[in-house]
PDB file of all heavy atoms in Angstrom:
ATOM      1  N   TYR A   1     113.562 163.335 104.411  1.00  0.00           N
ATOM      2  CA  TYR A   1     113.054 162.011 104.070  1.00  0.00           C
ATOM      3  C   TYR A   1     111.558 162.074 103.773  1.00  0.00           C
ATOM      4  O   TYR A   1     111.064 161.427 102.847  1.00  0.00           O
ATOM      5  CB  TYR A   1     113.319 161.025 105.208  1.00  0.00           C
ATOM      6  CG  TYR A   1     114.762 160.647 105.382  1.00  0.00           C
ATOM      7  CD1 TYR A   1     115.533 161.207 106.395  1.00  0.00           C
ATOM      8  CD2 TYR A   1     115.379 159.730 104.526  1.00  0.00           C
ATOM      9  CE1 TYR A   1     116.866 160.863 106.558  1.00  0.00           C
ATOM     10  CE2 TYR A   1     116.713 159.386 104.680  1.00  0.00           C
ATOM     11  CZ  TYR A   1     117.459 159.956 105.698  1.00  0.00           C
ATOM     12  OH  TYR A   1     118.777 159.609 105.849  1.00  0.00           O
ATOM     13  N   GLN A   2     110.836 162.865 104.576  1.00  0.00           N
ATOM     14  CA  GLN A   2     109.397 162.984 104.370  1.00  0.00           C
ATOM     15  C   GLN A   2     109.093 163.569 103.001  1.00  0.00           C
ATOM     16  O   GLN A   2     108.159 163.129 102.309  1.00  0.00           O
ATOM     17  CB  GLN A   2     108.787 163.865 105.458  1.00  0.00           C
ATOM     18  CG  GLN A   2     107.262 163.947 105.410  1.00  0.00           C
ATOM     19  CD  GLN A   2     106.619 162.612 105.714  1.00  0.00           C
ATOM     20  OE1 GLN A   2     106.930 162.002 106.730  1.00  0.00           O
ATOM     21  NE2 GLN A   2     105.751 162.137 104.834  1.00  0.00           N
ATOM     22  N   GLU A   3     109.860 164.552 102.585  1.00  0.00           N
ATOM     23  CA  GLU A   3     109.644 165.176 101.283  1.00  0.00           C
ATOM     24  C   GLU A   3     109.931 164.194 100.153  1.00  0.00           C
ATOM     25  O   GLU A   3     109.195 164.154  99.156  1.00  0.00           O
ATOM     26  CB  GLU A   3     110.530 166.423 101.165  1.00  0.00           C
ATOM     27  CG  GLU A   3     110.100 167.545 102.092  1.00  0.00           C
ATOM     28  CD  GLU A   3     111.138 168.641 102.247  1.00  0.00           C
ATOM     29  OE1 GLU A   3     112.334 168.388 101.952  1.00  0.00           O
ATOM     30  OE2 GLU A   3     110.775 169.750 102.673  1.00  0.00           O
ATOM     31  N   VAL A   4     110.966 163.390 100.302  1.00  0.00           N
ATOM     32  CA  VAL A   4     111.274 162.379  99.284  1.00  0.00           C
ATOM     33  C   VAL A   4     110.134 161.374  99.176  1.00  0.00           C
ATOM     34  O   VAL A   4     109.727 160.984  98.071  1.00  0.00           O
ATOM     35  CB  VAL A   4     112.596 161.666  99.621  1.00  0.00           C
ATOM     36  CG1 VAL A   4     112.826 160.505  98.668  1.00  0.00           C
ATOM     37  CG2 VAL A   4     113.763 162.640  99.561  1.00  0.00           C
ATOM     38  N   LEU A   5     109.596 160.946 100.320  1.00  0.00           N
ATOM     39  CA  LEU A   5     108.481 159.993 100.318  1.00  0.00           C
ATOM     40  C   LEU A   5     107.253 160.599  99.645  1.00  0.00           C
ATOM     41  O   LEU A   5     106.565 159.932  98.853  1.00  0.00           O
ATOM     42  CB  LEU A   5     108.146 159.576 101.749  1.00  0.00           C
ATOM     43  CG  LEU A   5     109.193 158.692 102.440  1.00  0.00           C
ATOM     44  CD1 LEU A   5     108.903 158.597 103.935  1.00  0.00           C
ATOM     45  CD2 LEU A   5     109.212 157.305 101.826  1.00  0.00           C
ATOM     46  N   ASP A   6     106.953 161.848  99.969  1.00  0.00           N
ATOM     47  CA  ASP A   6     105.786 162.507  99.363  1.00  0.00           C
ATOM     48  C   ASP A   6     105.958 162.653  97.858  1.00  0.00           C
ATOM     49  O   ASP A   6     105.009 162.449  97.087  1.00  0.00           O
ATOM     50  CB  ASP A   6     105.555 163.882 100.000  1.00  0.00           C
ATOM     51  CG  ASP A   6     105.093 163.785 101.449  1.00  0.00           C
ATOM     52  OD1 ASP A   6     104.635 162.691 101.862  1.00  0.00           O
ATOM     53  OD2 ASP A   6     105.208 164.788 102.178  1.00  0.00           O
ATOM     54  N   ILE A   7     107.157 162.999  97.429  1.00  0.00           N
ATOM     55  CA  ILE A   7     107.421 163.136  95.991  1.00  0.00           C
ATOM     56  C   ILE A   7     107.229 161.797  95.289  1.00  0.00           C
ATOM     57  O   ILE A   7     106.547 161.702  94.265  1.00  0.00           O
ATOM     58  CB  ILE A   7     108.860 163.664  95.760  1.00  0.00           C
ATOM     59  CG1 ILE A   7     108.971 165.130  96.183  1.00  0.00           C
ATOM     60  CG2 ILE A   7     109.260 163.500  94.291  1.00  0.00           C
ATOM     61  CD1 ILE A   7     110.403 165.632  96.270  1.00  0.00           C
ATOM     62  N   PHE A   8     107.817 160.751  95.849  1.00  0.00           N
ATOM     63  CA  PHE A   8     107.789 159.469  95.145  1.00  0.00           C
ATOM     64  C   PHE A   8     106.445 158.771  95.242  1.00  0.00           C
ATOM     65  O   PHE A   8     106.159 157.866  94.449  1.00  0.00           O
ATOM     66  CB  PHE A   8     108.914 158.548  95.643  1.00  0.00           C
ATOM     67  CG  PHE A   8     109.846 158.186  94.535  1.00  0.00           C
ATOM     68  CD1 PHE A   8     110.763 159.119  94.077  1.00  0.00           C
ATOM     69  CD2 PHE A   8     109.782 156.962  93.903  1.00  0.00           C
ATOM     70  CE1 PHE A   8     111.609 158.828  93.031  1.00  0.00           C
ATOM     71  CE2 PHE A   8     110.617 156.649  92.846  1.00  0.00           C
ATOM     72  CZ  PHE A   8     111.537 157.584  92.411  1.00  0.00           C
ATOM     73  N   SER A   9     105.610 159.166  96.175  1.00  0.00           N
ATOM     74  CA  SER A   9     104.265 158.584  96.239  1.00  0.00           C
ATOM     75  C   SER A   9     103.443 158.970  95.018  1.00  0.00           C
ATOM     76  O   SER A   9     102.410 158.361  94.735  1.00  0.00           O
ATOM     77  CB  SER A   9     103.547 159.036  97.513  1.00  0.00           C
ATOM     78  OG  SER A   9     103.245 160.422  97.464  1.00  0.00           O
ATOM     79  N   LYS A  10     103.916 159.954  94.262  1.00  0.00           N
ATOM     80  CA  LYS A  10     103.221 160.420  93.053  1.00  0.00           C
ATOM     81  C   LYS A  10     103.856 159.856  91.773  1.00  0.00           C
ATOM     82  O   LYS A  10     103.448 160.210  90.665  1.00  0.00           O
ATOM     83  CB  LYS A  10     103.211 161.950  92.997  1.00  0.00           C
ATOM     84  CG  LYS A  10     102.531 162.613  94.196  1.00  0.00           C
ATOM     85  CD  LYS A  10     102.628 164.128  94.116  1.00  0.00           C
ATOM     86  CE  LYS A  10     101.895 164.801  95.271  1.00  0.00           C
ATOM     87  NZ  LYS A  10     102.494 164.480  96.576  1.00  0.00           N
ATOM     88  N   ASN A  11     104.850 158.987  91.908  1.00  0.00           N
ATOM     89  CA  ASN A  11     105.503 158.409  90.733  1.00  0.00           C
ATOM     90  C   ASN A  11     104.499 157.608  89.898  1.00  0.00           C
ATOM     91  O   ASN A  11     103.748 156.786  90.419  1.00  0.00           O
ATOM     92  CB  ASN A  11     106.649 157.496  91.184  1.00  0.00           C
ATOM     93  CG  ASN A  11     107.332 156.809  90.004  1.00  0.00           C
ATOM     94  OD1 ASN A  11     107.422 157.359  88.913  1.00  0.00           O
ATOM     95  ND2 ASN A  11     107.783 155.590  90.232  1.00  0.00           N
ATOM     96  N   LYS A  12     104.503 157.820  88.590  1.00  0.00           N
ATOM     97  CA  LYS A  12     103.565 157.123  87.714  1.00  0.00           C
ATOM     98  C   LYS A  12     104.269 156.217  86.712  1.00  0.00           C
ATOM     99  O   LYS A  12     103.630 155.656  85.828  1.00  0.00           O
ATOM    100  CB  LYS A  12     102.688 158.135  86.969  1.00  0.00           C
ATOM    101  CG  LYS A  12     103.469 159.135  86.115  1.00  0.00           C
ATOM    102  CD  LYS A  12     102.534 160.145  85.464  1.00  0.00           C
ATOM    103  CE  LYS A  12     103.319 161.162  84.634  1.00  0.00           C
ATOM    104  NZ  LYS A  12     102.417 162.144  83.975  1.00  0.00           N
ATOM    105  N   TRP A  13     105.598 156.069  86.853  1.00  0.00           N
ATOM    106  CA  TRP A  13     106.351 155.275  85.894  1.00  0.00           C
ATOM    107  C   TRP A  13     106.815 153.975  86.534  1.00  0.00           C
ATOM    108  O   TRP A  13     107.456 153.974  87.579  1.00  0.00           O
ATOM    109  CB  TRP A  13     107.573 156.048  85.380  1.00  0.00           C
ATOM    110  CG  TRP A  13     107.252 157.423  84.868  1.00  0.00           C
ATOM    111  CD1 TRP A  13     107.487 158.602  85.480  1.00  0.00           C
ATOM    112  CD2 TRP A  13     106.614 157.734  83.630  1.00  0.00           C
ATOM    113  NE1 TRP A  13     107.041 159.650  84.711  1.00  0.00           N
ATOM    114  CE2 TRP A  13     106.497 159.137  83.562  1.00  0.00           C
ATOM    115  CE3 TRP A  13     106.131 156.969  82.565  1.00  0.00           C
ATOM    116  CZ2 TRP A  13     105.926 159.790  82.476  1.00  0.00           C
ATOM    117  CZ3 TRP A  13     105.556 157.627  81.484  1.00  0.00           C
ATOM    118  CH2 TRP A  13     105.466 159.005  81.446  1.00  0.00           C
ATOM    119  N   GLN A  14     106.538 152.853  85.883  1.00  0.00           N
ATOM    120  CA  GLN A  14     106.916 151.562  86.433  1.00  0.00           C
ATOM    121  C   GLN A  14     108.420 151.313  86.382  1.00  0.00           C
ATOM    122  O   GLN A  14     108.936 150.478  87.136  1.00  0.00           O
ATOM    123  CB  GLN A  14     106.193 150.431  85.686  1.00  0.00           C
ATOM    124  CG  GLN A  14     104.692 150.397  85.922  1.00  0.00           C
ATOM    125  CD  GLN A  14     104.032 149.216  85.244  1.00  0.00           C
ATOM    126  OE1 GLN A  14     104.647 148.532  84.428  1.00  0.00           O
ATOM    127  NE2 GLN A  14     102.773 148.979  85.580  1.00  0.00           N
ATOM    128  N   ASN A  15     109.122 151.993  85.505  1.00  0.00           N
ATOM    129  CA  ASN A  15     110.561 151.769  85.362  1.00  0.00           C
ATOM    130  C   ASN A  15     111.391 152.833  86.079  1.00  0.00           C
ATOM    131  O   ASN A  15     112.557 153.050  85.779  1.00  0.00           O
ATOM    132  CB  ASN A  15     110.959 151.722  83.884  1.00  0.00           C
ATOM    133  CG  ASN A  15     110.653 153.021  83.153  1.00  0.00           C
ATOM    134  OD1 ASN A  15     109.725 153.744  83.510  1.00  0.00           O
ATOM    135  ND2 ASN A  15     111.430 153.330  82.127  1.00  0.00           N
ATOM    136  N   VAL A  16     110.773 153.493  87.075  1.00  0.00           N
ATOM    137  CA  VAL A  16     111.460 154.501  87.878  1.00  0.00           C
ATOM    138  C   VAL A  16     111.428 154.082  89.338  1.00  0.00           C
ATOM    139  O   VAL A  16     110.368 153.783  89.887  1.00  0.00           O
ATOM    140  CB  VAL A  16     110.809 155.892  87.714  1.00  0.00           C
ATOM    141  CG1 VAL A  16     111.453 156.898  88.663  1.00  0.00           C
ATOM    142  CG2 VAL A  16     110.935 156.377  86.277  1.00  0.00           C
ATOM    143  N   HIS A  17     112.605 154.041  89.965  1.00  0.00           N
ATOM    144  CA  HIS A  17     112.706 153.663  91.369  1.00  0.00           C
ATOM    145  C   HIS A  17     113.495 154.717  92.138  1.00  0.00           C
ATOM    146  O   HIS A  17     114.255 155.497  91.562  1.00  0.00           O
ATOM    147  CB  HIS A  17     113.373 152.294  91.528  1.00  0.00           C
ATOM    148  CG  HIS A  17     112.532 151.159  91.042  1.00  0.00           C
ATOM    149  ND1 HIS A  17     112.415 150.841  89.717  1.00  0.00           N
ATOM    150  CD2 HIS A  17     111.753 150.273  91.714  1.00  0.00           C
ATOM    151  CE1 HIS A  17     111.600 149.807  89.571  1.00  0.00           C
ATOM    152  NE2 HIS A  17     111.192 149.444  90.776  1.00  0.00           N
ATOM    153  N   LEU A  18     113.316 154.672  93.436  1.00  0.00           N
ATOM    154  CA  LEU A  18     113.912 155.669  94.320  1.00  0.00           C
ATOM    155  C   LEU A  18     115.283 155.225  94.822  1.00  0.00           C
ATOM    156  O   LEU A  18     115.502 154.057  95.141  1.00  0.00           O
ATOM    157  CB  LEU A  18     112.985 155.899  95.525  1.00  0.00           C
ATOM    158  CG  LEU A  18     113.519 156.781  96.654  1.00  0.00           C
ATOM    159  CD1 LEU A  18     113.752 158.202  96.166  1.00  0.00           C
ATOM    160  CD2 LEU A  18     112.560 156.769  97.837  1.00  0.00           C
ATOM    161  N   GLY A  19     116.201 156.193  94.907  1.00  0.00           N
ATOM    162  CA  GLY A  19     117.477 155.990  95.565  1.00  0.00           C
ATOM    163  C   GLY A  19     117.768 157.194  96.445  1.00  0.00           C
ATOM    164  O   GLY A  19     117.149 158.252  96.306  1.00  0.00           O
ATOM    165  N   THR A  20     118.709 157.044  97.367  1.00  0.00           N
ATOM    166  CA  THR A  20     119.108 158.161  98.215  1.00  0.00           C
ATOM    167  C   THR A  20     120.630 158.247  98.269  1.00  0.00           C
ATOM    168  O   THR A  20     121.331 157.256  98.109  1.00  0.00           O
ATOM    169  CB  THR A  20     118.578 158.003  99.653  1.00  0.00           C
ATOM    170  OG1 THR A  20     119.108 156.802 100.225  1.00  0.00           O
ATOM    171  CG2 THR A  20     117.057 157.968  99.680  1.00  0.00           C
ATOM    172  N   PHE A  21     121.136 159.462  98.491  1.00  0.00           N
ATOM    173  CA  PHE A  21     122.574 159.706  98.651  1.00  0.00           C
ATOM    174  C   PHE A  21     122.730 160.575  99.893  1.00  0.00           C
ATOM    175  O   PHE A  21     122.144 161.649  99.996  1.00  0.00           O
ATOM    176  CB  PHE A  21     123.131 160.410  97.429  1.00  0.00           C
ATOM    177  CG  PHE A  21     124.641 160.433  97.341  1.00  0.00           C
ATOM    178  CD1 PHE A  21     125.280 160.448  96.116  1.00  0.00           C
ATOM    179  CD2 PHE A  21     125.449 160.445  98.477  1.00  0.00           C
ATOM    180  CE1 PHE A  21     126.673 160.478  96.003  1.00  0.00           C
ATOM    181  CE2 PHE A  21     126.823 160.465  98.388  1.00  0.00           C
ATOM    182  CZ  PHE A  21     127.449 160.486  97.148  1.00  0.00           C
ATOM    183  N   ASP A  22     123.567 160.095 100.803  1.00  0.00           N
ATOM    184  CA  ASP A  22     123.875 160.847 102.019  1.00  0.00           C
ATOM    185  C   ASP A  22     125.328 161.296 101.922  1.00  0.00           C
ATOM    186  O   ASP A  22     126.244 160.475 101.901  1.00  0.00           O
ATOM    187  CB  ASP A  22     123.672 159.962 103.254  1.00  0.00           C
ATOM    188  CG  ASP A  22     123.762 160.737 104.562  1.00  0.00           C
ATOM    189  OD1 ASP A  22     124.420 161.796 104.569  1.00  0.00           O
ATOM    190  OD2 ASP A  22     123.179 160.280 105.556  1.00  0.00           O
ATOM    191  N   THR A  23     125.547 162.604 101.849  1.00  0.00           N
ATOM    192  CA  THR A  23     126.905 163.114 101.686  1.00  0.00           C
ATOM    193  C   THR A  23     127.755 162.916 102.940  1.00  0.00           C
ATOM    194  O   THR A  23     128.979 163.077 102.891  1.00  0.00           O
ATOM    195  CB  THR A  23     126.873 164.612 101.335  1.00  0.00           C
ATOM    196  OG1 THR A  23     126.085 165.317 102.301  1.00  0.00           O
ATOM    197  CG2 THR A  23     126.293 164.828  99.950  1.00  0.00           C
ATOM    198  N   GLN A  24     127.130 162.571 104.055  1.00  0.00           N
ATOM    199  CA  GLN A  24     127.909 162.270 105.259  1.00  0.00           C
ATOM    200  C   GLN A  24     128.555 160.886 105.181  1.00  0.00           C
ATOM    201  O   GLN A  24     129.578 160.637 105.809  1.00  0.00           O
ATOM    202  CB  GLN A  24     127.014 162.354 106.501  1.00  0.00           C
ATOM    203  CG  GLN A  24     126.551 163.762 106.840  1.00  0.00           C
ATOM    204  CD  GLN A  24     125.712 163.797 108.099  1.00  0.00           C
ATOM    205  OE1 GLN A  24     125.371 162.775 108.681  1.00  0.00           O
ATOM    206  NE2 GLN A  24     125.383 165.004 108.538  1.00  0.00           N
ATOM    207  N   THR A  25     127.920 159.993 104.427  1.00  0.00           N
ATOM    208  CA  THR A  25     128.428 158.617 104.328  1.00  0.00           C
ATOM    209  C   THR A  25     128.965 158.279 102.949  1.00  0.00           C
ATOM    210  O   THR A  25     129.681 157.289 102.788  1.00  0.00           O
ATOM    211  CB  THR A  25     127.303 157.619 104.658  1.00  0.00           C
ATOM    212  OG1 THR A  25     126.243 157.764 103.694  1.00  0.00           O
ATOM    213  CG2 THR A  25     126.750 157.859 106.056  1.00  0.00           C
ATOM    214  N   ASP A  26     128.610 159.097 101.931  1.00  0.00           N
ATOM    215  CA  ASP A  26     128.991 158.837 100.532  1.00  0.00           C
ATOM    216  C   ASP A  26     128.497 157.473 100.069  1.00  0.00           C
ATOM    217  O   ASP A  26     129.196 156.736  99.367  1.00  0.00           O
ATOM    218  CB  ASP A  26     130.510 158.926 100.347  1.00  0.00           C
ATOM    219  CG  ASP A  26     131.028 160.343 100.526  1.00  0.00           C
ATOM    220  OD1 ASP A  26     130.201 161.274 100.539  1.00  0.00           O
ATOM    221  OD2 ASP A  26     132.251 160.517 100.661  1.00  0.00           O
ATOM    222  N   VAL A  27     127.269 157.134 100.453  1.00  0.00           N
ATOM    223  CA  VAL A  27     126.670 155.854 100.087  1.00  0.00           C
ATOM    224  C   VAL A  27     125.369 156.104  99.350  1.00  0.00           C
ATOM    225  O   VAL A  27     124.517 156.888  99.802  1.00  0.00           O
ATOM    226  CB  VAL A  27     126.408 154.978 101.335  1.00  0.00           C
ATOM    227  CG1 VAL A  27     125.671 153.701 100.946  1.00  0.00           C
ATOM    228  CG2 VAL A  27     127.720 154.637 102.029  1.00  0.00           C
ATOM    229  N   VAL A  28     125.205 155.445  98.207  1.00  0.00           N
ATOM    230  CA  VAL A  28     123.940 155.449  97.465  1.00  0.00           C
ATOM    231  C   VAL A  28     123.176 154.178  97.843  1.00  0.00           C
ATOM    232  O   VAL A  28     123.713 153.074  97.762  1.00  0.00           O
ATOM    233  CB  VAL A  28     124.172 155.480  95.945  1.00  0.00           C
ATOM    234  CG1 VAL A  28     122.849 155.329  95.202  1.00  0.00           C
ATOM    235  CG2 VAL A  28     124.865 156.774  95.542  1.00  0.00           C
ATOM    236  N   ILE A  29     121.926 154.358  98.254  1.00  0.00           N
ATOM    237  CA  ILE A  29     121.066 153.227  98.625  1.00  0.00           C
ATOM    238  C   ILE A  29     119.926 153.139  97.617  1.00  0.00           C
ATOM    239  O   ILE A  29     119.226 154.122  97.380  1.00  0.00           O
ATOM    240  CB  ILE A  29     120.467 153.406 100.035  1.00  0.00           C
ATOM    241  CG1 ILE A  29     121.571 153.545 101.079  1.00  0.00           C
ATOM    242  CG2 ILE A  29     119.540 152.247 100.369  1.00  0.00           C
ATOM    243  CD1 ILE A  29     122.225 152.290 101.495  1.00  0.00           C
ATOM    244  N   THR A  30     119.738 151.977  97.016  1.00  0.00           N
ATOM    245  CA  THR A  30     118.591 151.741  96.140  1.00  0.00           C
ATOM    246  C   THR A  30     117.903 150.454  96.574  1.00  0.00           C
ATOM    247  O   THR A  30     118.327 149.808  97.529  1.00  0.00           O
ATOM    248  CB  THR A  30     119.009 151.628  94.666  1.00  0.00           C
ATOM    249  OG1 THR A  30     119.557 150.330  94.415  1.00  0.00           O
ATOM    250  CG2 THR A  30     120.024 152.696  94.290  1.00  0.00           C
ATOM    251  N   HIS A  31     116.853 150.081  95.853  1.00  0.00           N
ATOM    252  CA  HIS A  31     116.091 148.893  96.230  1.00  0.00           C
ATOM    253  C   HIS A  31     116.838 147.602  95.950  1.00  0.00           C
ATOM    254  O   HIS A  31     116.478 146.558  96.481  1.00  0.00           O
ATOM    255  CB  HIS A  31     114.753 148.869  95.488  1.00  0.00           C
ATOM    256  CG  HIS A  31     114.873 148.673  94.002  1.00  0.00           C
ATOM    257  ND1 HIS A  31     115.464 149.613  93.198  1.00  0.00           N
ATOM    258  CD2 HIS A  31     114.493 147.655  93.193  1.00  0.00           C
ATOM    259  CE1 HIS A  31     115.435 149.186  91.944  1.00  0.00           C
ATOM    260  NE2 HIS A  31     114.867 148.003  91.910  1.00  0.00           N
ATOM    261  N   ASN A  32     117.875 147.648  95.122  1.00  0.00           N
ATOM    262  CA  ASN A  32     118.549 146.391  94.786  1.00  0.00           C
ATOM    263  C   ASN A  32     120.077 146.467  94.820  1.00  0.00           C
ATOM    264  O   ASN A  32     120.744 145.523  94.448  1.00  0.00           O
ATOM    265  CB  ASN A  32     118.108 145.885  93.410  1.00  0.00           C
ATOM    266  CG  ASN A  32     118.438 146.862  92.289  1.00  0.00           C
ATOM    267  OD1 ASN A  32     119.033 147.920  92.539  1.00  0.00           O
ATOM    268  ND2 ASN A  32     118.050 146.535  91.077  1.00  0.00           N
ATOM    269  N   GLU A  33     120.622 147.614  95.284  1.00  0.00           N
ATOM    270  CA  GLU A  33     122.068 147.701  95.343  1.00  0.00           C
ATOM    271  C   GLU A  33     122.513 148.829  96.269  1.00  0.00           C
ATOM    272  O   GLU A  33     121.745 149.742  96.585  1.00  0.00           O
ATOM    273  CB  GLU A  33     122.670 147.909  93.957  1.00  0.00           C
ATOM    274  CG  GLU A  33     122.288 149.239  93.330  1.00  0.00           C
ATOM    275  CD  GLU A  33     122.798 149.384  91.904  1.00  0.00           C
ATOM    276  OE1 GLU A  33     123.597 148.528  91.477  1.00  0.00           O
ATOM    277  OE2 GLU A  33     122.395 150.347  91.231  1.00  0.00           O
TER     278      GLU A  33
END
């Protein structure tokens, strides 16, 4: 999780958002769905 946060703190595109996938739960989590 820390690595994902560090990577996305450098995002420079307004039309790019973060999501996560956990293979233990098979759930994709995003900011709006």
